[in-house]
Amino acid sequence: MTPPRDFADHGPCVEELAREFAKQDAASSEALIETLATQAIRQWRLDDATFWQRVKFQARMIRARHGSGAAISRH
């Protein structure tokens, strides 16, 4: 999965990206999201930073809902 470059590139779909991040190792996916949010903040792209925080939260919710070993599907 190639992360979007900016807010205009990723659009409003938090759920789809969150599902992809939830499929990955929690520590590495959260580190990547944190990096993306930090870069956005440094460039004053607050919509992007907010988006990445929403993706992180949603991915955590998906992992919690499905457990750490369960397969994550697109229901």
Protein backbone atom coordinates (compact mmCIF):
# COMPACT_ATOMS: atom_id res chain seq x y z
CA MET A 1 0.00 0.00 0.00
CA THR A 2 1.32 3.40 -0.98
CA PRO A 3 0.23 6.07 1.50
CA PRO A 4 -1.38 9.18 0.01
CA ARG A 5 0.87 12.22 -0.38
CA ASP A 6 -1.52 14.82 0.98
CA PHE A 7 -5.12 15.50 1.94
CA ALA A 8 -6.19 16.08 -1.66
CA ASP A 9 -4.70 12.69 -2.54
CA HIS A 10 -6.41 10.62 0.16
CA GLY A 11 -9.87 12.14 0.15
CA PRO A 12 -12.39 11.46 2.86
CA CYS A 13 -12.13 7.64 3.13
CA VAL A 14 -10.69 7.00 6.59
CA GLU A 15 -12.23 3.52 6.87
CA GLU A 16 -10.54 2.06 3.79
CA LEU A 17 -7.05 3.16 4.80
CA ALA A 18 -7.67 2.18 8.41
CA ARG A 19 -8.54 -1.35 7.29
CA GLU A 20 -5.27 -1.57 5.38
CA PHE A 21 -3.25 -0.32 8.36
CA ALA A 22 -5.14 -2.66 10.72
CA LYS A 23 -3.98 -5.64 8.64
CA GLN A 24 -0.35 -4.72 9.31
CA ASP A 25 1.71 -5.07 12.46
CA ALA A 26 0.26 -2.59 14.98
CA ALA A 27 3.58 -1.07 16.06
CA SER A 28 4.95 -0.51 12.56
CA SER A 29 1.66 0.78 11.11
CA GLU A 30 1.19 3.23 13.99
CA ALA A 31 4.78 4.41 13.61
CA LEU A 32 4.16 5.09 9.92
CA ILE A 33 0.92 6.94 10.66
CA GLU A 34 2.68 8.98 13.34
CA THR A 35 5.41 9.89 10.85
CA LEU A 36 2.82 10.98 8.28
CA ALA A 37 0.96 13.07 10.87
CA THR A 38 4.20 14.66 12.10
CA GLN A 39 5.24 15.57 8.56
CA ALA A 40 1.84 17.13 7.95
CA ILE A 41 2.08 19.19 11.14
CA ARG A 42 5.56 20.43 10.24
CA GLN A 43 4.19 21.61 6.90
CA TRP A 44 1.12 23.19 8.50
CA ARG A 45 -1.21 20.76 6.70
CA LEU A 46 -3.58 20.39 9.62
CA ASP A 47 -6.30 18.65 7.59
CA ASP A 48 -3.76 15.95 6.74
CA ALA A 49 -2.60 15.61 10.34
CA THR A 50 -6.20 15.26 11.53
CA PHE A 51 -6.89 12.70 8.82
CA TRP A 52 -3.94 10.54 9.89
CA GLN A 53 -5.00 10.71 13.52
CA ARG A 54 -8.47 9.53 12.48
CA VAL A 55 -6.93 6.67 10.47
CA LYS A 56 -4.85 5.62 13.50
CA PHE A 57 -7.87 5.68 15.80
CA GLN A 58 -10.03 3.74 13.33
CA ALA A 59 -7.29 1.12 12.77
CA ARG A 60 -7.07 0.63 16.54
CA MET A 61 -10.83 0.20 16.72
CA ILE A 62 -10.76 -2.38 13.91
CA ARG A 63 -7.95 -4.32 15.61
CA ALA A 64 -9.82 -4.27 18.91
CA ARG A 65 -13.04 -5.39 17.27
CA HIS A 66 -11.36 -8.27 15.43
CA GLY A 67 -8.72 -9.23 17.97
CA SER A 68 -5.03 -9.36 17.20
CA GLY A 69 -5.12 -12.74 15.42
CA ALA A 70 -8.38 -12.50 13.51
CA ALA A 71 -8.58 -11.85 9.82
CA ILE A 72 -9.85 -8.41 8.92
CA SER A 73 -12.38 -8.34 6.15
CA ARG A 74 -14.31 -5.65 4.41
CA HIS A 75 -17.81 -6.06 5.93
